[in-house]
Protein backbone atom coordinates (compact mmCIF):
# COMPACT_ATOMS: atom_id res chain seq x y z
CA MET A 1 -86.06 88.71 -25.47
CA SER A 2 -84.21 91.37 -23.98
CA THR A 3 -81.92 93.79 -25.71
CA THR A 4 -79.15 95.56 -24.22
CA ALA A 5 -78.49 99.46 -25.09
CA SER A 6 -74.97 100.50 -25.45
CA VAL A 7 -74.42 104.00 -24.39
CA THR A 8 -71.48 105.77 -25.99
CA GLU A 9 -69.74 109.07 -25.32
CA PRO A 10 -70.53 111.66 -28.09
CA ARG A 11 -67.48 112.04 -30.06
CA ASP A 12 -65.77 115.57 -30.59
CA THR A 13 -66.37 115.71 -34.37
CA GLU A 14 -64.84 119.37 -34.56
CA ALA A 15 -61.72 119.11 -36.64
CA ALA A 16 -58.60 120.83 -35.48
CA PRO A 17 -58.36 124.40 -37.19
CA ARG A 18 -56.47 124.43 -40.36
CA PRO A 19 -53.61 126.71 -40.68
CA SER A 20 -54.32 129.93 -42.44
CA VAL A 21 -52.94 131.02 -45.60
CA LEU A 22 -50.56 133.56 -43.60
CA HIS A 23 -49.25 130.76 -41.67
CA ARG A 24 -49.05 128.08 -44.42
CA TYR A 25 -47.53 130.09 -47.49
CA ILE A 26 -46.98 133.77 -46.70
CA LEU A 27 -45.07 133.81 -43.63
CA PRO A 28 -42.47 130.82 -44.68
CA GLY A 29 -42.16 132.45 -48.24
CA LEU A 30 -40.98 135.55 -46.56
CA GLU A 31 -38.75 133.90 -43.99
CA LYS A 32 -37.15 132.05 -46.98
CA TYR A 33 -37.05 134.88 -49.58
CA GLY A 34 -37.42 137.74 -47.71
CA LEU A 35 -33.70 138.87 -48.48
CA VAL A 36 -34.55 138.36 -52.10
CA VAL A 37 -37.55 140.63 -51.83
CA LEU A 38 -35.57 143.09 -50.08
CA PHE A 39 -32.68 142.99 -52.55
CA ALA A 40 -35.26 143.54 -55.51
CA LEU A 41 -36.92 146.49 -53.28
CA LEU A 42 -33.51 148.13 -52.99
CA LEU A 43 -32.69 147.70 -56.68
CA LEU A 44 -36.03 149.23 -57.74
CA PHE A 45 -35.28 152.10 -55.24
CA PHE A 46 -31.66 153.09 -56.24
CA ALA A 47 -32.40 152.40 -59.82
CA GLY A 48 -35.52 154.79 -60.06
CA ALA A 49 -36.38 156.91 -56.91
CA TRP A 50 -32.70 158.52 -55.96
CA ASP A 51 -30.45 161.00 -57.19
CA ARG A 52 -28.44 159.05 -59.82
CA PRO A 53 -30.68 156.22 -61.20
CA ALA A 54 -29.03 156.13 -64.58
CA THR A 55 -25.33 155.91 -63.22
CA PHE A 56 -26.44 153.04 -60.71
CA ARG A 57 -28.28 151.11 -63.58
CA SER A 58 -25.69 151.26 -66.09
CA MET A 59 -23.64 148.33 -67.06
CA ASP A 60 -20.63 150.06 -66.14
CA ASN A 61 -21.77 150.15 -62.61
CA ILE A 62 -22.93 146.66 -62.52
CA ARG A 63 -19.91 145.33 -63.78
CA ALA A 64 -17.82 147.23 -61.24
CA VAL A 65 -20.00 145.94 -58.46
CA LEU A 66 -19.76 142.41 -59.50
CA GLY A 67 -15.77 142.79 -60.00
CA THR A 68 -15.27 144.48 -56.88
CA TYR A 69 -17.33 142.10 -54.72
CA SER A 70 -16.10 138.90 -56.27
CA VAL A 71 -13.14 138.47 -53.83
CA PRO A 72 -15.59 139.10 -50.73
CA ALA A 73 -17.98 136.62 -52.27
CA ILE A 74 -15.17 133.84 -52.09
CA LEU A 75 -14.16 134.87 -48.53
CA ALA A 76 -18.04 134.71 -47.49
CA LEU A 77 -17.92 131.09 -49.08
CA ALA A 78 -14.69 130.31 -47.24
CA ALA A 79 -16.32 131.75 -43.89
CA ILE A 80 -19.42 129.45 -43.86
CA ILE A 81 -17.33 126.15 -44.12
CA PRO A 82 -16.05 126.34 -40.31
CA LEU A 83 -19.42 128.19 -39.41
CA VAL A 84 -21.48 125.23 -40.72
CA CYS A 85 -19.13 123.06 -38.41
CA GLY A 86 -20.11 125.18 -35.60
CA GLN A 87 -16.67 127.31 -35.68
CA PHE A 88 -15.48 130.84 -36.11
CA ASP A 89 -12.73 131.56 -38.37
CA LEU A 90 -11.37 135.31 -38.46
CA THR A 91 -8.33 134.69 -40.65
CA VAL A 92 -10.05 134.76 -44.08
CA GLY A 93 -9.37 138.05 -44.86
CA PRO A 94 -5.89 138.18 -43.19
CA VAL A 95 -5.26 134.91 -45.24
CA ALA A 96 -6.15 136.53 -48.22
CA GLY A 97 -3.96 139.51 -47.55
CA LEU A 98 -1.25 137.00 -46.86
CA THR A 99 -1.57 135.39 -49.92
CA ALA A 100 -1.85 138.18 -52.09
CA MET A 101 1.60 139.54 -50.60
CA ALA A 102 3.25 136.40 -50.98
CA THR A 103 2.36 135.85 -54.68
CA ALA A 104 3.40 139.45 -55.20
CA GLY A 105 6.73 139.04 -53.52
CA ALA A 106 7.57 135.70 -54.81
CA PHE A 107 6.77 136.85 -58.25
CA SER A 108 8.20 140.55 -58.31
CA ASN A 109 11.07 140.37 -55.78
CA GLN A 110 12.39 136.64 -56.20
CA GLY A 111 11.99 136.66 -60.04
CA GLY A 112 10.10 133.37 -59.98
CA SER A 113 7.36 132.38 -62.65
CA LEU A 114 3.75 133.23 -61.71
CA ALA A 115 2.63 129.54 -61.45
CA VAL A 116 5.29 128.92 -58.76
CA ALA A 117 4.46 132.25 -57.11
CA ILE A 118 0.85 131.16 -56.78
CA VAL A 119 1.83 127.45 -55.51
CA ILE A 120 3.91 129.06 -53.02
CA ALA A 121 1.47 131.39 -51.74
CA LEU A 122 -1.39 128.87 -51.85
CA ALA A 123 0.69 126.59 -49.73
CA ILE A 124 1.50 129.30 -46.97
CA GLY A 125 -2.23 130.32 -46.92
CA ILE A 126 -3.03 126.63 -46.40
CA PHE A 127 -0.61 126.04 -43.86
CA VAL A 128 -2.54 129.11 -41.81
CA GLY A 129 -5.68 126.80 -41.98
CA VAL A 130 -3.66 123.67 -40.70
CA VAL A 131 -2.37 125.87 -37.67
CA ASN A 132 -6.00 126.79 -37.06
CA GLY A 133 -7.54 123.57 -37.31
CA PHE A 134 -4.74 122.06 -34.99
CA LEU A 135 -5.11 124.49 -32.18
CA VAL A 136 -9.08 124.05 -32.25
CA ALA A 137 -9.66 120.68 -33.01
CA TYR A 138 -6.82 119.01 -31.10
CA VAL A 139 -5.53 121.26 -28.79
CA LYS A 140 -9.03 122.53 -27.93
CA VAL A 141 -8.49 126.22 -28.01
CA ASN A 142 -11.47 128.44 -28.61
CA ALA A 143 -11.87 129.25 -32.14
CA PHE A 144 -12.60 132.69 -31.91
CA ILE A 145 -9.46 133.22 -29.61
CA THR A 146 -7.30 131.08 -32.04
CA THR A 147 -8.24 132.71 -35.14
CA LEU A 148 -8.10 136.29 -33.83
CA GLY A 149 -4.86 135.87 -32.24
CA VAL A 150 -3.55 134.17 -35.61
CA SER A 151 -5.08 137.18 -37.46
CA SER A 152 -2.80 139.64 -35.43
CA LEU A 153 0.32 137.62 -36.22
CA ILE A 154 -0.64 137.41 -39.94
CA SER A 155 -1.02 141.25 -39.75
CA GLY A 156 2.38 141.48 -38.21
CA PHE A 157 4.22 139.50 -40.59
CA ILE A 158 2.74 141.44 -43.59
CA VAL A 159 3.66 144.80 -42.18
CA LEU A 160 7.16 143.24 -41.41
CA TYR A 161 7.78 142.18 -45.00
CA ALA A 162 6.11 145.09 -46.69
CA LYS A 163 8.12 147.52 -44.73
CA GLY A 164 5.68 150.21 -45.69
CA SER A 165 6.07 149.61 -49.65
CA THR A 166 3.55 148.56 -52.19
CA ILE A 167 4.65 145.60 -54.60
CA LEU A 168 3.26 146.16 -57.74
CA VAL A 169 2.67 143.09 -60.28
CA SER A 170 3.40 143.68 -63.92
CA ASN A 171 2.23 140.24 -65.27
CA THR A 172 -0.73 140.78 -67.65
CA THR A 173 -1.80 137.39 -67.41
CA LEU A 174 -2.62 138.08 -63.70
CA THR A 175 -3.79 141.51 -63.95
CA ASN A 176 -6.07 140.95 -67.07
CA LEU A 177 -7.74 138.17 -65.08
CA GLY A 178 -8.65 140.89 -62.70
CA SER A 179 -9.73 143.65 -64.93
CA LEU A 180 -11.16 142.29 -67.92
CA ASN A 181 -14.28 140.64 -69.16
CA TRP A 182 -15.55 137.89 -70.74
CA PHE A 183 -18.77 138.40 -72.65
CA GLY A 184 -19.57 141.63 -70.92
CA ILE A 185 -19.25 140.08 -67.58
CA PRO A 186 -15.94 140.43 -65.22
CA ARG A 187 -13.70 137.22 -65.34
CA LEU A 188 -13.68 136.90 -61.45
CA VAL A 189 -17.34 136.33 -61.62
CA TYR A 190 -16.95 133.08 -63.56
CA ILE A 191 -14.46 131.74 -60.98
CA VAL A 192 -16.77 132.90 -58.22
CA LEU A 193 -19.37 130.86 -59.70
CA VAL A 194 -17.23 127.81 -60.15
CA VAL A 195 -16.10 128.15 -56.49
CA ALA A 196 -19.75 128.59 -55.41
CA ALA A 197 -20.71 125.50 -57.36
CA LEU A 198 -17.93 123.38 -55.86
CA THR A 199 -18.61 124.52 -52.23
CA TYR A 200 -22.40 123.92 -52.86
CA TYR A 201 -21.78 120.52 -54.04
CA MET A 202 -19.51 119.78 -51.27
CA LEU A 203 -21.84 120.80 -48.43
CA GLU A 204 -25.09 119.64 -49.83
CA HIS A 205 -24.23 116.57 -52.08
CA THR A 206 -21.13 114.73 -50.34
CA PRO A 207 -20.77 112.67 -47.13
CA VAL A 208 -18.23 115.21 -45.80
CA GLY A 209 -20.71 118.27 -46.15
CA ARG A 210 -23.23 116.06 -44.41
CA TYR A 211 -20.71 115.26 -41.73
CA LEU A 212 -19.87 118.99 -41.27
CA HIS A 213 -23.66 119.72 -40.89
CA SER A 214 -23.85 117.11 -38.50
CA VAL A 215 -20.96 118.50 -36.20
CA GLY A 216 -22.23 121.84 -36.39
CA SER A 217 -25.82 120.68 -35.32
CA ASN A 218 -24.96 118.60 -32.42
CA GLU A 219 -21.29 117.63 -31.83
CA THR A 220 -22.48 115.20 -28.85
CA ALA A 221 -25.02 113.44 -31.50
CA ALA A 222 -22.14 113.41 -34.03
CA ARG A 223 -19.52 111.65 -31.67
CA LEU A 224 -22.40 109.19 -30.71
CA VAL A 225 -22.78 107.89 -34.42
CA GLY A 226 -19.10 107.61 -34.56
CA LEU A 227 -17.88 110.66 -36.62
CA SER A 228 -14.60 112.03 -36.24
CA VAL A 229 -15.19 115.47 -34.91
CA GLU A 230 -11.83 116.61 -34.46
CA ARG A 231 -10.87 115.45 -37.99
CA LEU A 232 -13.87 117.38 -39.46
CA THR A 233 -13.28 120.44 -37.50
CA PHE A 234 -9.77 120.36 -38.41
CA LEU A 235 -10.79 119.86 -42.23
CA SER A 236 -13.05 122.82 -42.28
CA PHE A 237 -10.33 125.15 -41.34
CA VAL A 238 -8.25 123.96 -43.97
CA LEU A 239 -10.99 124.22 -46.39
CA SER A 240 -11.64 127.62 -45.45
CA ALA A 241 -8.05 128.74 -45.64
CA ALA A 242 -7.71 127.16 -49.27
CA LEU A 243 -10.77 129.27 -50.38
CA ALA A 244 -9.36 132.30 -48.77
CA SER A 245 -5.97 131.81 -50.20
CA ILE A 246 -7.64 131.85 -53.77
CA ALA A 247 -9.48 134.94 -52.85
CA GLY A 248 -6.04 136.38 -52.14
CA VAL A 249 -4.61 135.69 -55.54
CA LEU A 250 -7.95 137.20 -57.22
CA LEU A 251 -7.41 140.01 -55.08
CA LEU A 252 -3.90 140.75 -56.33
CA ALA A 253 -5.35 140.13 -59.65
CA ARG A 254 -7.84 142.72 -59.28
CA ASN A 255 -5.93 145.61 -57.45
CA GLY A 256 -2.55 144.93 -59.25
CA SER A 257 -0.56 145.58 -56.25
CA ALA A 258 -0.04 144.44 -52.69
CA ASP A 259 0.68 146.37 -49.40
CA GLN A 260 0.43 146.02 -45.81
CA GLN A 261 -2.84 147.21 -45.24
CA LEU A 262 -4.11 143.95 -46.74
CA GLY A 263 -3.55 142.20 -43.42
CA GLY A 264 -6.08 143.71 -41.13
CA LEU A 265 -9.71 142.19 -40.62
CA GLY A 266 -11.30 144.68 -43.24
CA LEU A 267 -11.84 141.95 -45.51
CA THR A 268 -13.17 139.46 -42.78
CA LEU A 269 -16.13 141.56 -41.76
CA PRO A 270 -17.94 142.06 -44.92
CA ALA A 271 -17.34 138.30 -45.46
CA LEU A 272 -18.94 137.41 -42.17
CA ALA A 273 -21.69 139.82 -42.53
CA ALA A 274 -22.55 138.25 -45.83
CA ALA A 275 -22.36 134.69 -44.23
CA PHE A 276 -24.75 135.47 -41.47
CA LEU A 277 -27.02 137.50 -43.67
CA GLY A 278 -27.12 134.54 -46.29
CA ALA A 279 -28.23 132.29 -43.27
CA THR A 280 -31.54 134.44 -43.22
CA ALA A 281 -32.32 133.51 -46.67
CA ILE A 282 -33.34 130.38 -48.80
CA LYS A 283 -32.38 127.91 -46.04
CA PRO A 284 -33.30 130.08 -43.03
CA GLY A 285 -31.39 129.25 -39.85
CA GLN A 286 -28.39 127.54 -42.13
CA PHE A 287 -25.45 128.87 -43.51
CA ASN A 288 -25.57 128.15 -47.34
CA VAL A 289 -24.18 129.22 -50.45
CA VAL A 290 -27.05 130.54 -52.26
CA GLY A 291 -28.21 132.59 -49.50
CA THR A 292 -24.57 133.85 -49.17
CA LEU A 293 -24.06 134.91 -52.62
CA ILE A 294 -27.55 136.88 -52.62
CA ALA A 295 -26.14 138.60 -49.44
CA VAL A 296 -22.85 139.46 -51.16
CA LEU A 297 -24.66 141.16 -53.80
CA PHE A 298 -27.27 142.94 -51.42
CA VAL A 299 -24.33 144.26 -49.57
CA GLY A 300 -22.35 145.45 -52.77
CA PHE A 301 -25.44 147.09 -54.49
CA SER A 302 -26.40 148.81 -51.14
CA LEU A 303 -22.99 150.28 -50.81
CA SER A 304 -22.77 151.25 -54.63
CA GLY A 305 -26.22 153.22 -54.20
CA LEU A 306 -25.10 154.68 -51.30
CA THR A 307 -21.90 155.99 -52.64
CA LEU A 308 -23.06 157.36 -56.08
CA ASN A 309 -25.95 159.55 -54.00
CA GLY A 310 -22.82 161.17 -52.05
CA ALA A 311 -22.43 158.95 -48.70
CA SER A 312 -19.60 159.74 -46.62
CA ASP A 313 -16.76 157.16 -46.19
CA TRP A 314 -17.97 156.02 -42.62
CA VAL A 315 -21.08 154.70 -44.09
CA THR A 316 -19.46 151.89 -45.49
CA ASP A 317 -18.19 150.75 -42.09
CA VAL A 318 -21.32 151.50 -40.42
CA PHE A 319 -23.50 149.69 -42.74
CA THR A 320 -21.28 146.50 -42.84
CA GLY A 321 -21.14 146.63 -38.99
CA GLY A 322 -24.94 146.97 -38.65
CA THR A 323 -25.63 144.44 -41.33
CA LEU A 324 -23.31 142.00 -39.58
CA VAL A 325 -24.97 142.54 -36.06
CA LEU A 326 -28.75 142.71 -37.70
CA ALA A 327 -27.91 139.29 -39.67
CA VAL A 328 -26.43 137.42 -36.46
CA ALA A 329 -29.49 138.52 -34.52
CA ILE A 330 -32.05 137.45 -37.21
CA SER A 331 -30.06 134.27 -37.92
CA THR A 332 -30.08 133.30 -34.34
CA VAL A 333 -33.78 134.00 -33.76
CA VAL A 334 -34.94 131.97 -36.87
CA ALA A 335 -32.52 129.15 -35.92
CA ARG A 336 -34.04 129.03 -32.35
CA HIS A 337 -37.75 129.11 -33.60
CA ARG A 338 -37.00 126.46 -36.13
CA ALA A 339 -35.51 124.38 -33.46
CA SER A 340 -38.31 124.97 -31.05
CA SER A 341 -41.01 124.17 -33.73
CA GLY A 342 -39.21 121.14 -34.77
């Protein structure tokens, strides 16, 4: 009887090295919650380590920041809708200014009711979104050029209408909305929370939101699966203008007046800074509602702390511009890294 010996190659029994705790938990956590941690450290710094901590952590200052940055918060939410779809909208600030001016003009100069004035102003703001959407989606004009040009047009119309004057609004229903509190919290904050919840639900839990994300992620793939890229792009600008118009009414409620200074890009840059900074948190590399709100609070309390400690006026512009550039750079690097790692 003969036996046949089989020879087998020795197996490499060495298992692949497991990712370290640093790569499995710490780095992903910092990537997701880094802005939250930085915000907490900033609050601790201003509340206890600089010249006027008592003023910074007072309820009056907290309410002032929350009320002041309610309008920028809604504008930032307006800005992320086209950004999710892969487009820029530089008209969110000018549309808010136009809506504020139109509401003040219709109510004060034309003698109309507040409800009619608001409806007219919202219709004007949304019309700007229709123009933006049509030019970008169907005429195929670059979104940056389109919205920059429309912003300039809006600024010109506001200056022409205002003629150097300030329009005051005496309606207490509107001004109380912008100046008074409910349960110790500015009334505008509750409106921001409602708008944020609706925007979050639309972007994260509806087919329209998923389609917008799909177009923004890969327009070619979206077309291949049958999505109407033009219609979705058009819709993103209309929704953005609708939110910006709401912000304009609230801006008028907060200020109690409207003038020609509302027509510039001064409201747009903080909104874009918050949108891009928010894309570095919670869902890194993606524009998202929760990260955007955290970014608005971060910018608001940062500027409040600097102002209370005697920072010059130019610091606001430098901080906002620097935050925008840094946020765009970080969000771009994070998105590229996540795409390359699958």
